[in-house]
């Protein structure tokens, strides 16, 4: 299971990779530049970053929400089959 933690003194969070191995995804808001930065970390080294324009954030959130809905529904259906 992955986990996340807030980053002090900054609007953002660090999400740990399910594979472990000191991998993580850092998400941080940069309101002065009107972007959200998604950065991939391995140990304490930033391996890559991506600047997402603030106006595109709702599309990313919608995509994540859709995926969560599908995963939840599949999980619920599988539980119902096992208990039937």
Foldseek 3Di string as FASTA:
>chain_A
DKDKDADPPFGWIWIADPVHQQWIWIWGDDVVVQWIKIFIDHNHDTPDIDTHHNVCVVVVVVVVVVVVVVVVVVVVVVVVVVVD
